[in-house]
PDB file of N, CA and C in Angstrom:
ATOM      1  N   MET A   1      -1.380  12.536  38.944  1.00  0.00           N
ATOM      2  CA  MET A   1      -2.239  13.042  37.895  1.00  0.00           C
ATOM      3  C   MET A   1      -3.583  13.475  38.469  1.00  0.00           C
ATOM      4  N   SER A   2      -4.141  14.503  37.935  1.00  0.00           N
ATOM      5  CA  SER A   2      -5.453  14.943  38.392  1.00  0.00           C
ATOM      6  C   SER A   2      -6.546  14.200  37.663  1.00  0.00           C
ATOM      7  N   GLU A   3      -7.743  14.269  38.213  1.00  0.00           N
ATOM      8  CA  GLU A   3      -8.859  13.558  37.583  1.00  0.00           C
ATOM      9  C   GLU A   3      -9.188  14.127  36.210  1.00  0.00           C
ATOM     10  N   ASN A   4      -9.020  15.384  36.034  1.00  0.00           N
ATOM     11  CA  ASN A   4      -9.350  16.015  34.768  1.00  0.00           C
ATOM     12  C   ASN A   4      -8.482  15.494  33.631  1.00  0.00           C
ATOM     13  N   SER A   5      -7.206  15.262  33.887  1.00  0.00           N
ATOM     14  CA  SER A   5      -6.338  14.779  32.837  1.00  0.00           C
ATOM     15  C   SER A   5      -6.658  13.325  32.465  1.00  0.00           C
ATOM     16  N   GLU A   6      -7.171  12.552  33.427  1.00  0.00           N
ATOM     17  CA  GLU A   6      -7.534  11.166  33.130  1.00  0.00           C
ATOM     18  C   GLU A   6      -8.834  11.072  32.350  1.00  0.00           C
ATOM     19  N   ASN A   7      -9.742  11.961  32.611  1.00  0.00           N
ATOM     20  CA  ASN A   7     -11.056  11.968  31.955  1.00  0.00           C
ATOM     21  C   ASN A   7     -11.060  12.718  30.625  1.00  0.00           C
ATOM     22  N   LYS A   8      -9.985  13.389  30.342  1.00  0.00           N
ATOM     23  CA  LYS A   8      -9.895  14.169  29.141  1.00  0.00           C
ATOM     24  C   LYS A   8      -9.907  13.256  27.927  1.00  0.00           C
ATOM     25  N   PRO A   9     -10.805  13.479  26.938  1.00  0.00           N
ATOM     26  CA  PRO A   9     -10.826  12.595  25.752  1.00  0.00           C
ATOM     27  C   PRO A   9      -9.550  12.748  24.944  1.00  0.00           C
ATOM     28  N   LYS A  10      -9.121  11.651  24.362  1.00  0.00           N
ATOM     29  CA  LYS A  10      -7.954  11.690  23.517  1.00  0.00           C
ATOM     30  C   LYS A  10      -8.309  12.439  22.223  1.00  0.00           C
ATOM     31  N   ASN A  11      -7.320  12.956  21.574  1.00  0.00           N
ATOM     32  CA  ASN A  11      -7.535  13.658  20.320  1.00  0.00           C
ATOM     33  C   ASN A  11      -8.078  12.678  19.280  1.00  0.00           C
ATOM     34  N   PRO A  12      -9.296  12.870  18.792  1.00  0.00           N
ATOM     35  CA  PRO A  12      -9.840  11.881  17.831  1.00  0.00           C
ATOM     36  C   PRO A  12      -9.116  11.871  16.499  1.00  0.00           C
ATOM     37  N   LEU A  13      -8.384  12.958  16.199  1.00  0.00           N
ATOM     38  CA  LEU A  13      -7.652  12.967  14.948  1.00  0.00           C
ATOM     39  C   LEU A  13      -6.465  12.025  14.951  1.00  0.00           C
ATOM     40  N   ASN A  14      -5.956  11.654  16.122  1.00  0.00           N
ATOM     41  CA  ASN A  14      -4.830  10.745  16.208  1.00  0.00           C
ATOM     42  C   ASN A  14      -5.105   9.424  15.516  1.00  0.00           C
ATOM     43  N   ARG A  15      -6.311   8.888  15.737  1.00  0.00           N
ATOM     44  CA  ARG A  15      -6.624   7.587  15.131  1.00  0.00           C
ATOM     45  C   ARG A  15      -6.701   7.730  13.596  1.00  0.00           C
ATOM     46  N   TYR A  16      -7.112   8.912  13.107  1.00  0.00           N
ATOM     47  CA  TYR A  16      -7.153   9.102  11.649  1.00  0.00           C
ATOM     48  C   TYR A  16      -5.750   9.212  11.074  1.00  0.00           C
ATOM     49  N   TYR A  17      -4.877   9.886  11.813  1.00  0.00           N
ATOM     50  CA  TYR A  17      -3.467   9.979  11.353  1.00  0.00           C
ATOM     51  C   TYR A  17      -2.791   8.617  11.313  1.00  0.00           C
ATOM     52  N   ILE A  18      -3.024   7.843  12.345  1.00  0.00           N
ATOM     53  CA  ILE A  18      -2.444   6.492  12.398  1.00  0.00           C
ATOM     54  C   ILE A  18      -3.017   5.629  11.270  1.00  0.00           C
ATOM     55  N   PHE A  19      -4.296   5.735  11.058  1.00  0.00           N
ATOM     56  CA  PHE A  19      -4.957   4.989   9.958  1.00  0.00           C
ATOM     57  C   PHE A  19      -4.373   5.414   8.614  1.00  0.00           C
ATOM     58  N   ALA A  20      -4.176   6.720   8.412  1.00  0.00           N
ATOM     59  CA  ALA A  20      -3.608   7.214   7.152  1.00  0.00           C
ATOM     60  C   ALA A  20      -2.184   6.708   6.951  1.00  0.00           C
ATOM     61  N   LEU A  21      -1.387   6.701   8.011  1.00  0.00           N
ATOM     62  CA  LEU A  21      -0.025   6.218   7.892  1.00  0.00           C
ATOM     63  C   LEU A  21       0.006   4.721   7.566  1.00  0.00           C
ATOM     64  N   LYS A  22      -0.942   3.995   8.150  1.00  0.00           N
ATOM     65  CA  LYS A  22      -1.065   2.550   7.835  1.00  0.00           C
ATOM     66  C   LYS A  22      -1.351   2.340   6.353  1.00  0.00           C
ATOM     67  N   ILE A  23      -2.269   3.137   5.823  1.00  0.00           N
ATOM     68  CA  ILE A  23      -2.637   3.030   4.405  1.00  0.00           C
ATOM     69  C   ILE A  23      -1.446   3.417   3.521  1.00  0.00           C
ATOM     70  N   ILE A  24      -0.765   4.496   3.854  1.00  0.00           N
ATOM     71  CA  ILE A  24       0.402   4.934   3.062  1.00  0.00           C
ATOM     72  C   ILE A  24       1.453   3.843   3.012  1.00  0.00           C
ATOM     73  N   GLY A  25       1.767   3.278   4.161  1.00  0.00           N
ATOM     74  CA  GLY A  25       2.784   2.193   4.208  1.00  0.00           C
ATOM     75  C   GLY A  25       2.357   0.966   3.415  1.00  0.00           C
ATOM     76  N   ASP A  26       1.115   0.601   3.578  1.00  0.00           N
ATOM     77  CA  ASP A  26       0.618  -0.609   2.911  1.00  0.00           C
ATOM     78  C   ASP A  26       0.577  -0.393   1.388  1.00  0.00           C
ATOM     79  N   PHE A  27       0.060   0.736   0.954  1.00  0.00           N
ATOM     80  CA  PHE A  27      -0.023   1.018  -0.498  1.00  0.00           C
ATOM     81  C   PHE A  27       1.391   1.157  -1.086  1.00  0.00           C
ATOM     82  N   GLY A  28       2.291   1.780  -0.327  1.00  0.00           N
ATOM     83  CA  GLY A  28       3.676   1.924  -0.816  1.00  0.00           C
ATOM     84  C   GLY A  28       4.323   0.582  -1.032  1.00  0.00           C
ATOM     85  N   ALA A  29       4.171  -0.318  -0.077  1.00  0.00           N
ATOM     86  CA  ALA A  29       4.758  -1.653  -0.205  1.00  0.00           C
ATOM     87  C   ALA A  29       4.043  -2.433  -1.321  1.00  0.00           C
ATOM     88  N   THR A  30       2.752  -2.230  -1.452  1.00  0.00           N
ATOM     89  CA  THR A  30       1.993  -2.956  -2.472  1.00  0.00           C
ATOM     90  C   THR A  30       2.445  -2.563  -3.867  1.00  0.00           C
ATOM     91  N   ILE A  31       2.882  -1.334  -4.022  1.00  0.00           N
ATOM     92  CA  ILE A  31       3.355  -0.863  -5.324  1.00  0.00           C
ATOM     93  C   ILE A  31       4.831  -1.223  -5.506  1.00  0.00           C
ATOM     94  N   ALA A  32       5.647  -0.994  -4.498  1.00  0.00           N
ATOM     95  CA  ALA A  32       7.085  -1.140  -4.614  1.00  0.00           C
ATOM     96  C   ALA A  32       7.547  -2.576  -4.759  1.00  0.00           C
ATOM     97  N   VAL A  33       7.005  -3.478  -3.998  1.00  0.00           N
ATOM     98  CA  VAL A  33       7.474  -4.872  -4.006  1.00  0.00           C
ATOM     99  C   VAL A  33       7.312  -5.533  -5.396  1.00  0.00           C
ATOM    100  N   PRO A  34       6.113  -5.490  -6.006  1.00  0.00           N
ATOM    101  CA  PRO A  34       6.000  -6.090  -7.335  1.00  0.00           C
ATOM    102  C   PRO A  34       6.895  -5.406  -8.395  1.00  0.00           C
ATOM    103  N   VAL A  35       7.078  -4.101  -8.281  1.00  0.00           N
ATOM    104  CA  VAL A  35       7.912  -3.413  -9.234  1.00  0.00           C
ATOM    105  C   VAL A  35       9.374  -3.844  -9.121  1.00  0.00           C
ATOM    106  N   VAL A  36       9.878  -3.943  -7.920  1.00  0.00           N
ATOM    107  CA  VAL A  36      11.271  -4.341  -7.729  1.00  0.00           C
ATOM    108  C   VAL A  36      11.459  -5.780  -8.182  1.00  0.00           C
ATOM    109  N   ILE A  37      10.564  -6.638  -7.786  1.00  0.00           N
ATOM    110  CA  ILE A  37      10.704  -8.076  -8.189  1.00  0.00           C
ATOM    111  C   ILE A  37      10.593  -8.230  -9.673  1.00  0.00           C
ATOM    112  N   SER A  38       9.655  -7.540 -10.295  1.00  0.00           N
ATOM    113  CA  SER A  38       9.481  -7.670 -11.776  1.00  0.00           C
ATOM    114  C   SER A  38      10.671  -7.064 -12.499  1.00  0.00           C
ATOM    115  N   ALA A  39      11.237  -6.000 -11.978  1.00  0.00           N
ATOM    116  CA  ALA A  39      12.424  -5.415 -12.623  1.00  0.00           C
ATOM    117  C   ALA A  39      13.595  -6.380 -12.571  1.00  0.00           C
ATOM    118  N   LEU A  40      13.794  -7.034 -11.426  1.00  0.00           N
ATOM    119  CA  LEU A  40      14.888  -7.991 -11.324  1.00  0.00           C
ATOM    120  C   LEU A  40      14.686  -9.184 -12.258  1.00  0.00           C
ATOM    121  N   ILE A  41      13.466  -9.722 -12.276  1.00  0.00           N
ATOM    122  CA  ILE A  41      13.193 -10.856 -13.140  1.00  0.00           C
ATOM    123  C   ILE A  41      13.308 -10.455 -14.596  1.00  0.00           C
ATOM    124  N   GLY A  42      12.777  -9.296 -14.963  1.00  0.00           N
ATOM    125  CA  GLY A  42      12.869  -8.846 -16.351  1.00  0.00           C
ATOM    126  C   GLY A  42      14.296  -8.631 -16.798  1.00  0.00           C
ATOM    127  N   GLN A  43      15.122  -8.063 -15.986  1.00  0.00           N
ATOM    128  CA  GLN A  43      16.532  -7.856 -16.339  1.00  0.00           C
ATOM    129  C   GLN A  43      17.248  -9.178 -16.485  1.00  0.00           C
ATOM    130  N   LYS A  44      17.026 -10.085 -15.581  1.00  0.00           N
ATOM    131  CA  LYS A  44      17.681 -11.405 -15.674  1.00  0.00           C
ATOM    132  C   LYS A  44      17.289 -12.142 -16.932  1.00  0.00           C
ATOM    133  N   LEU A  45      16.004 -12.114 -17.253  1.00  0.00           N
ATOM    134  CA  LEU A  45      15.568 -12.789 -18.470  1.00  0.00           C
ATOM    135  C   LEU A  45      16.070 -12.085 -19.707  1.00  0.00           C
ATOM    136  N   ASP A  46      16.143 -10.770 -19.700  1.00  0.00           N
ATOM    137  CA  ASP A  46      16.690 -10.034 -20.848  1.00  0.00           C
ATOM    138  C   ASP A  46      18.166 -10.413 -21.074  1.00  0.00           C
ATOM    139  N   GLU A  47      18.926 -10.528 -19.980  1.00  0.00           N
ATOM    140  CA  GLU A  47      20.329 -10.931 -20.105  1.00  0.00           C
ATOM    141  C   GLU A  47      20.451 -12.361 -20.619  1.00  0.00           C
ATOM    142  N   LYS A  48      19.590 -13.227 -20.127  1.00  0.00           N
ATOM    143  CA  LYS A  48      19.669 -14.629 -20.506  1.00  0.00           C
ATOM    144  C   LYS A  48      19.246 -14.844 -21.966  1.00  0.00           C
ATOM    145  N   TRP A  49      18.181 -14.180 -22.401  1.00  0.00           N
ATOM    146  CA  TRP A  49      17.637 -14.413 -23.734  1.00  0.00           C
ATOM    147  C   TRP A  49      18.036 -13.319 -24.743  1.00  0.00           C
ATOM    148  N   HIS A  50      18.830 -12.337 -24.306  1.00  0.00           N
ATOM    149  CA  HIS A  50      19.294 -11.228 -25.178  1.00  0.00           C
ATOM    150  C   HIS A  50      18.114 -10.522 -25.819  1.00  0.00           C
ATOM    151  N   THR A  51      17.156 -10.155 -25.024  1.00  0.00           N
ATOM    152  CA  THR A  51      15.943  -9.491 -25.529  1.00  0.00           C
ATOM    153  C   THR A  51      15.775  -8.093 -24.935  1.00  0.00           C
ATOM    154  N   ARG A  52      16.850  -7.522 -24.436  1.00  0.00           N
ATOM    155  CA  ARG A  52      16.765  -6.239 -23.750  1.00  0.00           C
ATOM    156  C   ARG A  52      16.053  -5.219 -24.617  1.00  0.00           C
ATOM    157  N   PRO A  53      15.100  -4.504 -24.157  1.00  0.00           N
ATOM    158  CA  PRO A  53      14.454  -4.366 -22.867  1.00  0.00           C
ATOM    159  C   PRO A  53      13.062  -5.027 -22.814  1.00  0.00           C
ATOM    160  N   TRP A  54      12.766  -5.935 -23.699  1.00  0.00           N
ATOM    161  CA  TRP A  54      11.396  -6.427 -23.832  1.00  0.00           C
ATOM    162  C   TRP A  54      10.882  -7.187 -22.608  1.00  0.00           C
ATOM    163  N   MET A  55      11.660  -8.055 -22.036  1.00  0.00           N
ATOM    164  CA  MET A  55      11.173  -8.774 -20.852  1.00  0.00           C
ATOM    165  C   MET A  55      10.979  -7.831 -19.680  1.00  0.00           C
ATOM    166  N   LEU A  56      11.836  -6.840 -19.557  1.00  0.00           N
ATOM    167  CA  LEU A  56      11.658  -5.845 -18.507  1.00  0.00           C
ATOM    168  C   LEU A  56      10.362  -5.132 -18.700  1.00  0.00           C
ATOM    169  N   ILE A  57      10.043  -4.705 -19.905  1.00  0.00           N
ATOM    170  CA  ILE A  57       8.808  -4.016 -20.188  1.00  0.00           C
ATOM    171  C   ILE A  57       7.594  -4.908 -19.893  1.00  0.00           C
ATOM    172  N   VAL A  58       7.662  -6.138 -20.320  1.00  0.00           N
ATOM    173  CA  VAL A  58       6.538  -7.077 -20.093  1.00  0.00           C
ATOM    174  C   VAL A  58       6.315  -7.261 -18.607  1.00  0.00           C
ATOM    175  N   PHE A  59       7.372  -7.527 -17.853  1.00  0.00           N
ATOM    176  CA  PHE A  59       7.223  -7.770 -16.421  1.00  0.00           C
ATOM    177  C   PHE A  59       6.815  -6.503 -15.664  1.00  0.00           C
ATOM    178  N   MET A  60       7.235  -5.339 -16.121  1.00  0.00           N
ATOM    179  CA  MET A  60       6.780  -4.093 -15.482  1.00  0.00           C
ATOM    180  C   MET A  60       5.303  -3.867 -15.749  1.00  0.00           C
ATOM    181  N   ALA A  61       4.836  -4.205 -16.921  1.00  0.00           N
ATOM    182  CA  ALA A  61       3.409  -4.098 -17.215  1.00  0.00           C
ATOM    183  C   ALA A  61       2.605  -5.051 -16.361  1.00  0.00           C
ATOM    184  N   ILE A  62       3.100  -6.260 -16.204  1.00  0.00           N
ATOM    185  CA  ILE A  62       2.442  -7.241 -15.354  1.00  0.00           C
ATOM    186  C   ILE A  62       2.408  -6.745 -13.902  1.00  0.00           C
ATOM    187  N   SER A  63       3.510  -6.203 -13.430  1.00  0.00           N
ATOM    188  CA  SER A  63       3.534  -5.693 -12.060  1.00  0.00           C
ATOM    189  C   SER A  63       2.586  -4.504 -11.879  1.00  0.00           C
ATOM    190  N   ALA A  64       2.434  -3.684 -12.892  1.00  0.00           N
ATOM    191  CA  ALA A  64       1.478  -2.563 -12.816  1.00  0.00           C
ATOM    192  C   ALA A  64       0.053  -3.099 -12.690  1.00  0.00           C
ATOM    193  N   LEU A  65      -0.288  -4.126 -13.450  1.00  0.00           N
ATOM    194  CA  LEU A  65      -1.615  -4.713 -13.359  1.00  0.00           C
ATOM    195  C   LEU A  65      -1.836  -5.345 -11.969  1.00  0.00           C
ATOM    196  N   ILE A  66      -0.847  -6.063 -11.511  1.00  0.00           N
ATOM    197  CA  ILE A  66      -0.964  -6.714 -10.190  1.00  0.00           C
ATOM    198  C   ILE A  66      -1.120  -5.661  -9.086  1.00  0.00           C
ATOM    199  N   SER A  67      -0.304  -4.625  -9.133  1.00  0.00           N
ATOM    200  CA  SER A  67      -0.388  -3.553  -8.131  1.00  0.00           C
ATOM    201  C   SER A  67      -1.717  -2.849  -8.205  1.00  0.00           C
ATOM    202  N   ALA A  68      -2.230  -2.564  -9.401  1.00  0.00           N
ATOM    203  CA  ALA A  68      -3.536  -1.909  -9.532  1.00  0.00           C
ATOM    204  C   ALA A  68      -4.634  -2.781  -8.932  1.00  0.00           C
ATOM    205  N   TYR A  69      -4.592  -4.042  -9.193  1.00  0.00           N
ATOM    206  CA  TYR A  69      -5.603  -4.954  -8.653  1.00  0.00           C
ATOM    207  C   TYR A  69      -5.551  -5.001  -7.121  1.00  0.00           C
ATOM    208  N   LEU A  70      -4.325  -5.114  -6.581  1.00  0.00           N
ATOM    209  CA  LEU A  70      -4.173  -5.175  -5.135  1.00  0.00           C
ATOM    210  C   LEU A  70      -4.568  -3.869  -4.463  1.00  0.00           C
ATOM    211  N   ILE A  71      -4.244  -2.730  -5.059  1.00  0.00           N
ATOM    212  CA  ILE A  71      -4.620  -1.444  -4.518  1.00  0.00           C
ATOM    213  C   ILE A  71      -6.149  -1.313  -4.524  1.00  0.00           C
ATOM    214  N   TYR A  72      -6.771  -1.757  -5.606  1.00  0.00           N
ATOM    215  CA  TYR A  72      -8.245  -1.700  -5.686  1.00  0.00           C
ATOM    216  C   TYR A  72      -8.875  -2.514  -4.559  1.00  0.00           C
ATOM    217  N   LYS A  73      -8.418  -3.740  -4.388  1.00  0.00           N
ATOM    218  CA  LYS A  73      -8.962  -4.586  -3.347  1.00  0.00           C
ATOM    219  C   LYS A  73      -8.733  -4.011  -1.934  1.00  0.00           C
ATOM    220  N   LYS A  74      -7.516  -3.529  -1.722  1.00  0.00           N
ATOM    221  CA  LYS A  74      -7.188  -2.960  -0.394  1.00  0.00           C
ATOM    222  C   LYS A  74      -7.943  -1.662  -0.137  1.00  0.00           C
ATOM    223  N   SER A  75      -8.152  -0.879  -1.175  1.00  0.00           N
ATOM    224  CA  SER A  75      -8.894   0.381  -0.977  1.00  0.00           C
ATOM    225  C   SER A  75     -10.346   0.122  -0.574  1.00  0.00           C
ATOM    226  N   LYS A  76     -10.912  -0.947  -1.085  1.00  0.00           N
ATOM    227  CA  LYS A  76     -12.288  -1.288  -0.652  1.00  0.00           C
ATOM    228  C   LYS A  76     -12.274  -1.690   0.831  1.00  0.00           C
ATOM    229  N   ILE A  77     -11.295  -2.469   1.219  1.00  0.00           N
ATOM    230  CA  ILE A  77     -11.205  -2.878   2.622  1.00  0.00           C
ATOM    231  C   ILE A  77     -10.955  -1.683   3.540  1.00  0.00           C
ATOM    232  N   TYR A  78     -10.017  -0.816   3.131  1.00  0.00           N
ATOM    233  CA  TYR A  78      -9.746   0.392   3.923  1.00  0.00           C
ATOM    234  C   TYR A  78     -10.922   1.353   3.961  1.00  0.00           C
ATOM    235  N   GLY A  79     -11.684   1.396   2.878  1.00  0.00           N
ATOM    236  CA  GLY A  79     -12.879   2.240   2.889  1.00  0.00           C
ATOM    237  C   GLY A  79     -13.873   1.775   3.924  1.00  0.00           C
ATOM    238  N   GLN A  80     -14.067   0.485   4.022  1.00  0.00           N
ATOM    239  CA  GLN A  80     -14.942  -0.063   5.042  1.00  0.00           C
ATOM    240  C   GLN A  80     -14.399   0.172   6.445  1.00  0.00           C
ATOM    241  N   GLN A  81     -13.097  -0.003   6.617  1.00  0.00           N
ATOM    242  CA  GLN A  81     -12.478   0.260   7.918  1.00  0.00           C
ATOM    243  C   GLN A  81     -12.598   1.740   8.311  1.00  0.00           C
ATOM    244  N   PHE A  82     -12.501   2.632   7.309  1.00  0.00           N
ATOM    245  CA  PHE A  82     -12.644   4.035   7.620  1.00  0.00           C
ATOM    246  C   PHE A  82     -14.054   4.367   8.072  1.00  0.00           C
ATOM    247  N   GLN A  83     -15.033   3.769   7.401  1.00  0.00           N
ATOM    248  CA  GLN A  83     -16.433   3.985   7.823  1.00  0.00           C
ATOM    249  C   GLN A  83     -16.654   3.467   9.229  1.00  0.00           C
ATOM    250  N   ASP A  84     -16.069   2.315   9.550  1.00  0.00           N
ATOM    251  CA  ASP A  84     -16.201   1.790  10.889  1.00  0.00           C
ATOM    252  C   ASP A  84     -15.499   2.697  11.911  1.00  0.00           C
ATOM    253  N   LEU A  85     -14.354   3.248  11.541  1.00  0.00           N
ATOM    254  CA  LEU A  85     -13.626   4.147  12.420  1.00  0.00           C
ATOM    255  C   LEU A  85     -14.445   5.427  12.620  1.00  0.00           C
ATOM    256  N   ASP A  86     -15.068   5.892  11.585  1.00  0.00           N
ATOM    257  CA  ASP A  86     -15.868   7.105  11.648  1.00  0.00           C
ATOM    258  C   ASP A  86     -17.095   6.893  12.554  1.00  0.00           C
ATOM    259  N   LYS A  87     -17.651   5.673  12.568  1.00  0.00           N
ATOM    260  CA  LYS A  87     -18.819   5.397  13.396  1.00  0.00           C
ATOM    261  C   LYS A  87     -18.448   5.359  14.868  1.00  0.00           C
ATOM    262  N   LYS A  88     -17.212   5.017  15.225  1.00  0.00           N
ATOM    263  CA  LYS A  88     -16.794   4.913  16.588  1.00  0.00           C
ATOM    264  C   LYS A  88     -16.723   6.292  17.281  1.00  0.00           C
ATOM    265  N   GLN A  89     -16.622   7.322  16.483  1.00  0.00           N
ATOM    266  CA  GLN A  89     -16.415   8.652  17.021  1.00  0.00           C
ATOM    267  C   GLN A  89     -17.588   9.183  17.692  1.00  0.00           C
TER     268      GLN A  89
END
């Protein structure tokens, strides 16, 4: 390798892309996991208590609230991390 290729700065956009993919994966899991779990619990309770679809609706609403809260908290953390990432440039 030549000296020029070693001293060449890495593409600064790469760290932003990686950061964005991290956020996408984390937010996707934060939304999907509570929804799937609440759907399963709601369906089981509906079958057990013969209340179809009310338990499913209740648990889906609860999962929406939980997901919204978690996304809010994580977005504040990621906002700070983005500012720190921006300062490193």
